[in-house]
Each structure stands twice: as C-alpha cells, then as structure tokens.
Protein backbone atom coordinates (compact mmCIF):
# COMPACT_ATOMS: atom_id res chain seq x y z
CA MET A 1 -51.25 23.79 4.27
CA THR A 2 -51.83 22.78 8.10
CA THR A 3 -50.70 19.56 9.09
CA ASP A 4 -54.58 18.59 9.67
CA GLN A 5 -55.02 18.31 6.13
CA VAL A 6 -52.35 16.25 5.47
CA GLU A 7 -52.98 12.91 3.87
CA VAL A 8 -49.63 11.40 3.30
CA SER A 9 -46.32 11.68 5.27
CA VAL A 10 -43.05 11.03 3.75
CA VAL A 11 -40.43 10.43 6.23
CA LEU A 12 -36.80 10.56 5.11
CA CYS A 13 -33.86 9.91 7.83
CA THR A 14 -30.53 11.32 7.27
CA ARG A 15 -26.85 11.68 9.11
CA ASP A 16 -24.06 13.92 7.13
CA GLY A 17 -25.92 13.94 4.16
CA ALA A 18 -25.08 17.25 2.39
CA ALA A 19 -23.47 15.97 -0.17
CA ARG A 20 -26.72 13.11 -0.82
CA LEU A 21 -29.81 15.21 -0.10
CA PRO A 22 -29.61 18.02 -3.05
CA GLU A 23 -30.42 14.75 -5.93
CA THR A 24 -32.98 13.05 -2.93
CA LEU A 25 -34.58 15.97 -2.34
CA ALA A 26 -35.02 17.17 -5.45
CA HIS A 27 -36.42 13.63 -6.65
CA LEU A 28 -38.70 14.00 -3.36
CA ARG A 29 -40.61 17.28 -4.79
CA THR A 30 -40.95 16.00 -8.13
CA ALA A 31 -42.87 13.09 -6.90
CA LEU A 32 -44.97 15.37 -4.38
CA ASP A 33 -45.58 17.89 -6.76
CA ALA A 34 -47.19 14.85 -8.82
CA THR A 35 -50.31 13.68 -6.72
CA ALA A 36 -53.02 15.20 -6.11
CA ARG A 37 -53.29 13.88 -2.69
CA THR A 38 -52.34 16.36 0.36
CA ALA A 39 -48.36 15.22 1.22
CA GLU A 40 -45.65 16.86 3.35
CA LEU A 41 -42.01 15.67 3.91
CA VAL A 42 -40.63 15.10 7.45
CA VAL A 43 -36.77 15.04 7.37
CA VAL A 44 -35.17 13.81 10.91
CA ASP A 45 -31.46 15.20 11.15
CA ASN A 46 -30.25 12.54 12.98
CA GLY A 47 -27.03 14.12 14.46
CA SER A 48 -25.70 15.58 11.40
CA ARG A 49 -22.18 17.35 11.53
CA ASP A 50 -21.87 18.58 8.42
CA GLY A 51 -23.40 21.02 6.34
CA THR A 52 -27.01 19.03 6.20
CA PRO A 53 -28.69 21.51 9.35
CA ALA A 54 -28.04 24.50 6.95
CA LEU A 55 -29.47 22.72 4.24
CA LEU A 56 -32.64 21.42 4.99
CA ALA A 57 -33.41 24.87 7.14
CA GLU A 58 -33.32 26.39 3.44
CA ALA A 59 -35.51 23.82 1.89
CA ALA A 60 -37.72 24.18 4.75
CA ARG A 61 -37.72 27.83 4.10
CA THR A 62 -38.54 27.50 0.24
CA ASP A 63 -41.51 24.55 0.30
CA PRO A 64 -44.10 24.57 2.88
CA ARG A 65 -44.22 20.99 2.43
CA VAL A 66 -41.00 20.55 4.12
CA ARG A 67 -40.48 19.99 7.96
CA VAL A 68 -37.44 19.24 10.04
CA VAL A 69 -37.00 17.80 13.25
CA GLU A 70 -34.14 16.55 15.13
CA GLU A 71 -33.15 13.53 16.68
CA ALA A 72 -29.94 13.90 18.18
CA CYS A 73 -29.42 10.15 19.48
CA PRO A 74 -27.81 8.09 16.57
CA GLY A 75 -29.77 5.43 15.19
CA THR A 76 -31.53 4.86 12.21
CA SER A 77 -34.71 3.54 13.51
CA ARG A 78 -34.84 5.89 16.19
CA ALA A 79 -34.66 8.40 13.88
CA ARG A 80 -37.77 6.89 11.97
CA ASN A 81 -39.57 6.84 14.85
CA ARG A 82 -38.79 10.15 15.58
CA GLY A 83 -40.25 10.89 12.34
CA VAL A 84 -43.45 9.12 12.74
CA GLY A 85 -44.05 10.63 15.90
CA ALA A 86 -43.62 14.09 13.74
CA ALA A 87 -45.75 13.41 10.62
CA ALA A 88 -49.36 14.27 10.20
CA GLY A 89 -50.47 12.07 7.84
CA ASP A 90 -52.24 8.79 8.87
CA VAL A 91 -50.42 7.17 5.53
CA LEU A 92 -46.88 6.96 6.12
CA LEU A 93 -43.47 6.07 3.35
CA PHE A 94 -40.38 5.83 4.28
CA THR A 95 -37.10 6.29 1.93
CA ASP A 96 -33.36 6.90 2.26
CA ASP A 97 -31.04 9.81 1.88
CA ASP A 98 -29.04 8.31 -0.78
CA VAL A 99 -32.34 7.35 -3.14
CA HIS A 100 -34.15 8.69 -6.19
CA VAL A 101 -37.79 7.67 -6.04
CA PRO A 102 -39.32 7.99 -9.73
CA ALA A 103 -42.16 10.92 -9.84
CA ASP A 104 -45.29 8.57 -9.29
CA TRP A 105 -43.71 7.30 -6.15
CA VAL A 106 -45.86 8.96 -4.05
CA ASP A 107 -49.29 7.99 -5.87
CA ARG A 108 -48.28 4.45 -6.73
CA MET A 109 -46.54 3.47 -2.77
CA ALA A 110 -49.44 5.92 -0.94
CA GLY A 111 -52.68 3.99 -2.76
CA PRO A 112 -53.35 0.78 -1.32
CA LEU A 113 -52.97 2.39 2.29
CA ALA A 114 -54.90 4.72 1.70
CA GLU A 115 -57.55 2.71 -0.19
CA GLY A 116 -57.94 0.18 2.74
CA SER A 117 -56.30 -2.45 0.51
CA ALA A 118 -53.69 -2.74 2.65
CA ASP A 119 -51.84 -1.76 5.67
CA LEU A 120 -47.95 -2.14 4.77
CA VAL A 121 -46.36 -2.14 1.65
CA GLY A 122 -43.06 -2.13 -0.33
CA GLY A 123 -41.88 -1.24 -4.08
CA ALA A 124 -38.68 -2.59 -5.59
CA VAL A 125 -35.39 -1.19 -5.47
CA ALA A 126 -32.18 -0.88 -7.99
CA LEU A 127 -28.75 -0.40 -7.54
CA ALA A 128 -27.49 3.08 -9.49
CA PRO A 129 -26.78 2.00 -13.09
CA HIS A 130 -23.08 3.43 -12.09
CA LEU A 131 -22.31 1.17 -8.98
CA HIS A 132 -22.92 -2.45 -10.98
CA ARG A 133 -20.45 -4.39 -10.64
CA ASP A 134 -19.78 -8.15 -12.56
CA TRP A 135 -18.76 -9.67 -9.72
CA LEU A 136 -21.95 -8.15 -7.68
CA SER A 137 -24.05 -10.83 -7.94
CA PRO A 138 -28.24 -10.65 -6.99
CA GLU A 139 -28.18 -12.30 -3.71
CA LEU A 140 -24.37 -10.14 -2.47
CA ALA A 141 -26.77 -6.68 -4.06
CA SER A 142 -29.70 -7.56 -2.15
CA GLU A 143 -28.19 -8.55 0.77
CA TYR A 144 -25.45 -5.60 1.05
CA PHE A 145 -27.11 -3.25 -1.14
CA ALA A 146 -31.31 -3.79 -0.65
CA VAL A 147 -31.76 -4.16 -3.96
CA VAL A 148 -35.62 -5.87 -4.45
CA PRO A 149 -36.24 -6.80 -8.04
CA GLU A 150 -39.16 -5.42 -10.23
CA PRO A 151 -41.93 -6.88 -9.66
CA PRO A 152 -41.95 -6.68 -5.77
CA VAL A 153 -42.93 -10.16 -4.17
CA VAL A 154 -45.39 -9.99 -1.31
CA GLY A 155 -42.78 -12.30 1.64
CA ARG A 156 -39.67 -11.95 -0.20
CA GLU A 157 -37.69 -8.58 -0.02
CA PHE A 158 -38.49 -5.49 2.06
CA ALA A 159 -36.01 -2.51 1.70
CA ALA A 160 -36.52 0.79 3.96
CA ALA A 161 -35.46 2.28 0.61
CA SER A 162 -39.30 2.42 -0.33
CA ILE A 163 -41.71 0.97 2.17
CA GLY A 164 -45.09 2.57 3.60
CA ALA A 165 -47.46 1.59 6.45
CA THR A 166 -50.82 3.20 7.87
CA ARG A 167 -50.87 5.13 10.92
CA ALA A 168 -52.61 2.30 12.86
CA VAL A 169 -49.94 -0.20 11.93
CA LEU A 170 -47.11 2.58 12.96
CA ASP A 171 -49.26 3.16 16.19
CA GLN A 172 -48.62 -0.52 17.41
CA VAL A 173 -45.39 -1.81 15.61
CA PRO A 174 -42.66 1.33 16.14
CA PHE A 175 -39.02 0.22 14.62
CA ASP A 176 -37.12 -1.88 16.83
CA GLU A 177 -34.16 0.70 18.02
CA ALA A 178 -31.91 -1.80 19.27
CA LEU A 179 -31.30 -1.99 15.10
CA GLY A 180 -30.25 0.60 12.45
CA THR A 181 -27.38 1.31 14.88
CA ALA A 182 -23.89 1.14 14.76
CA ARG A 183 -23.98 -2.48 16.35
CA TYR A 184 -26.74 -3.96 14.52
CA PRO A 185 -26.94 -2.37 11.22
CA GLY A 186 -29.60 -3.44 9.09
CA ALA A 187 -32.66 -5.61 9.67
CA GLU A 188 -34.78 -3.02 11.02
CA ASP A 189 -37.06 -3.09 7.62
CA LEU A 190 -37.67 -6.78 8.18
CA VAL A 191 -38.31 -6.50 11.46
CA PHE A 192 -41.00 -4.18 10.88
CA ARG A 193 -42.49 -6.32 8.77
CA LEU A 194 -42.50 -9.34 10.78
CA ASP A 195 -44.13 -7.66 13.75
CA ALA A 196 -46.53 -5.85 11.54
CA LEU A 197 -47.91 -9.54 10.32
CA ASN A 198 -47.68 -10.43 13.23
CA ALA A 199 -50.01 -7.83 14.87
CA GLY A 200 -52.58 -9.38 12.18
CA PHE A 201 -51.88 -6.49 9.62
CA ARG A 202 -51.81 -7.11 5.45
CA GLN A 203 -49.03 -6.40 3.23
CA THR A 204 -48.82 -6.17 -0.57
CA ALA A 205 -46.10 -5.31 -2.82
CA VAL A 206 -46.46 -2.31 -5.15
CA ALA A 207 -45.40 -2.93 -8.86
CA GLY A 208 -44.17 -0.32 -10.89
CA ALA A 209 -42.31 2.05 -8.80
CA THR A 210 -38.92 1.21 -8.53
CA VAL A 211 -36.53 3.26 -6.79
CA GLU A 212 -32.94 4.09 -7.33
CA HIS A 213 -30.39 3.46 -4.31
CA HIS A 214 -27.10 5.48 -5.08
CA PRO A 215 -25.03 4.45 -1.94
CA ASP A 216 -21.83 5.66 -1.40
CA ALA A 217 -19.21 3.78 -3.99
CA ARG A 218 -16.65 3.44 -0.75
CA ARG A 219 -18.93 0.36 0.46
CA LEU A 220 -18.30 -1.55 -2.50
CA GLU A 221 -14.50 -1.60 -1.47
CA PRO A 222 -13.69 -5.34 -0.07
CA ALA A 223 -12.95 -3.80 2.91
CA ARG A 224 -16.17 -1.85 3.97
CA LEU A 225 -18.36 -4.96 2.96
CA ALA A 226 -16.69 -7.01 5.40
CA ALA A 227 -17.20 -4.75 8.14
CA LEU A 228 -20.90 -4.81 7.20
CA ALA A 229 -20.97 -8.50 6.63
CA THR A 230 -19.80 -8.82 10.52
CA GLY A 231 -22.68 -6.15 11.15
CA ARG A 232 -25.52 -7.60 9.68
CA GLY A 233 -24.26 -11.13 10.95
CA ARG A 234 -24.41 -9.53 14.51
CA ALA A 235 -27.94 -8.21 13.64
CA GLU A 236 -29.34 -11.85 12.48
CA ALA A 237 -28.03 -12.78 15.66
CA TYR A 238 -30.34 -10.57 17.28
CA LEU A 239 -33.23 -11.87 15.52
CA ALA A 240 -32.70 -15.22 15.91
CA HIS A 241 -32.89 -14.76 19.48
CA HIS A 242 -35.06 -11.43 20.22
CA LEU A 243 -37.87 -12.83 17.68
CA HIS A 244 -37.69 -16.34 17.51
CA GLY A 245 -36.65 -17.29 20.93
CA ARG A 246 -33.69 -19.57 20.03
CA SER A 247 -31.14 -20.02 22.67
CA PRO A 248 -28.64 -22.18 21.56
CA HIS A 249 -26.88 -23.92 24.32
CA ALA A 250 -23.25 -22.24 24.70
CA ALA A 251 -21.21 -25.68 23.71
CA THR A 252 -23.09 -25.39 20.89
CA SER A 253 -22.73 -22.02 19.58
CA LEU A 254 -19.00 -22.04 20.97
CA ALA A 255 -18.69 -25.75 18.47
CA LYS A 256 -19.94 -23.98 15.40
CA LEU A 257 -18.04 -20.62 15.75
CA ALA A 258 -14.34 -23.09 16.28
CA VAL A 259 -15.25 -24.18 13.20
CA THR A 260 -16.75 -20.93 10.46
CA SER A 261 -13.69 -19.63 12.66
CA GLY A 262 -11.44 -22.56 11.48
CA MET A 263 -13.17 -22.06 7.71
CA LEU A 264 -12.42 -18.87 7.54
CA LEU A 265 -8.84 -18.86 8.51
CA VAL A 266 -7.67 -22.06 6.26
CA ARG A 267 -9.58 -20.77 3.51
CA ARG A 268 -8.04 -21.38 0.46
CA ALA A 269 -6.81 -18.40 -1.69
CA PRO A 270 -9.68 -17.84 -4.30
CA ALA A 271 -8.83 -18.08 -7.88
CA PRO A 272 -7.83 -14.79 -8.96
CA ARG A 273 -10.19 -12.12 -9.24
CA ALA A 274 -10.33 -8.29 -10.76
CA ALA A 275 -8.99 -5.54 -8.87
CA GLY A 276 -11.75 -4.95 -6.25
CA ALA A 277 -13.90 -8.00 -6.79
CA VAL A 278 -15.42 -9.38 -3.49
CA ASP A 279 -14.59 -13.23 -2.18
CA ALA A 280 -18.83 -13.50 -1.49
CA GLU A 281 -17.62 -17.32 0.45
CA ALA A 282 -15.54 -15.04 2.92
CA LEU A 283 -18.14 -12.42 3.06
CA ARG A 284 -20.56 -15.32 4.06
CA LEU A 285 -18.17 -17.31 6.61
CA ARG A 286 -17.19 -13.78 8.22
CA ARG A 287 -21.15 -13.19 8.76
CA ARG A 288 -21.78 -16.64 10.39
CA VAL A 289 -18.75 -15.87 12.69
CA ALA A 290 -20.20 -13.16 13.67
CA PHE A 291 -23.54 -14.36 13.95
CA HIS A 292 -22.13 -16.89 16.40
CA ARG A 293 -19.61 -14.85 18.62
CA GLU A 294 -23.56 -12.36 19.35
CA MET A 295 -25.71 -15.29 19.78
CA LEU A 296 -22.82 -16.00 22.70
CA THR A 297 -23.17 -12.71 24.04
CA LEU A 298 -26.59 -12.67 23.62
CA THR A 299 -27.77 -15.91 25.09
CA ARG A 300 -25.69 -15.14 28.27
CA THR A 301 -26.78 -11.95 29.07
CA ARG A 302 -30.15 -10.71 27.09
CA PRO A 303 -33.61 -13.06 27.62
CA PRO A 304 -35.64 -13.38 24.05
CA ARG A 305 -38.07 -10.40 23.56
C-alpha cells in the first residue's frame, strides 16, 4: 500500500504509553482489518522516555499500515497536528492511547466523512467497567474522563477519544497548540469543534461506535482529580478569554477569586464518604478558583484571539 492509495488515516498520539499501547494497537488493527476502506494508522510519539519507541518500531515493522512519526515538543494538540501533517488520507480519525475501539469503528466513523454528509464527526465514549465508582456521577465522568453517552448528541459532549474530520477541515482548522499542555490540559477537542463550526463546517454524531476509555486508575484518586480540576479551570479561562473575548476588569476577577477561594477554604467538612471518594463540590470550587486566577493573568498579559 502506498500513501497515495490511503483513504482513511487514523491518528494516535502517545507519550510513555508502552504499558497501555499493546491493547490499544490490537483493537485498532482489528478495526483496520474490518473495513473495506484503504486505511493507515499514524502513531505520533510525543517524546516518550520508556519502551514506547521500540514497541512502535516493531509495530511498524510487522504491519505496513502502521507509520510512526515523532514530535519531541510535549503537547497533545501539537502531536495531533504533527500526525495530521504526516497522514495521507482525506478522512482522518482520532483516538487516544488508552482507548479501545470496536471492530466497526473505522467504518462507522469514516462513513459520513467519506460520503460527504458531514465534515466533522464525534462518537460515544464509555469508561471501562472496572473503573466505575459509586461516587462518579455522569457529570464528573464527562468532565474528567471524557465520557460521552450513547447515543451521542450533536452540540453536546465531543471528546477526542473518538472524533474525525475531513482533510478540508484540518487544512483550515488545526488543533490549538496552547491546549493539551501541562498548563491547559484538555479542551483542545472542544476548541477544535468550535473553530470548525465557526468556519462553516458541518458536524454529525455517530451512534453505535462506542469506544472504551481505560485511563490509569490513579486518575480516580482525589489528589489527581484536584490537580486536574485546577488545570481544567485554567483551560476554561483560556477559552473564555481567547475565544469569546471575555476580559473582565481586574477588580471584578479579584472579587470573584476572593469569594470563591474563601468558599473553598471555609467549606465545612462534607458528609462521610467511602475511602477514596471525591468531593464533587470541592472540585467545582477548585476549578472556579483556577479559572479566576488564570483570567487575571490572561487579561493582564495577552490579548484575546
């Protein structure tokens, strides 16, 4: 297979993913086997320091559909853009290195794009069953674990664990490389969708192609979720400032920050919870504090997009 024969490119980004990649790659190979479309898998190694390079080299050696490219500068959006640049297909699908796709995923996701009925697609994402917790509400699962209920609904959740776009979209709308970083984790998929829709492209939701998300179980720990809430709050400030041009007066943000910080500090101890359970209200307050702090920084230092 030569690159000029490729119809569909699946782009997968990874960093230090040696422990989780074997199963992810196995599911993707099954999906490539199941489609009649000519497809490739482009894997972007985003600066791995574990056994990932050797594992990917072996995957490419044993399967001509697999190509490996490198992006040394950390950042999910930067890695995805590198993958887009290397991909040969006019239809591009994206998933993550801790996601297991079903056998018909490539066919179902690529269909509307290849047939011209949509420019942008999103599918459902389920959390792996062994990671379910009694305290993990649908809202928390969506916000912190990219869960998108089946059937997915256009205009609601949109998670990079299962999305796709045409080459025409990606030529005009790259992933925002300020997002998907240590400072601004997540939200790059939402910004990508907003930018694509604002550019006049059409989106549809793909039912019946639910992928299964297998994040590291340590992400369920309260301390990990608290850190992620802070990062998500900063990312939301970036969206508000750069996409919507919200530039509140510094005094307003300071007042909101003081109130929200005070609420977090004096918050009464919640009702007893099971060991390892998470205080959802504390996460919400932490996120708001991070949002207002970052808005203060952004309004002082950077103009809106």
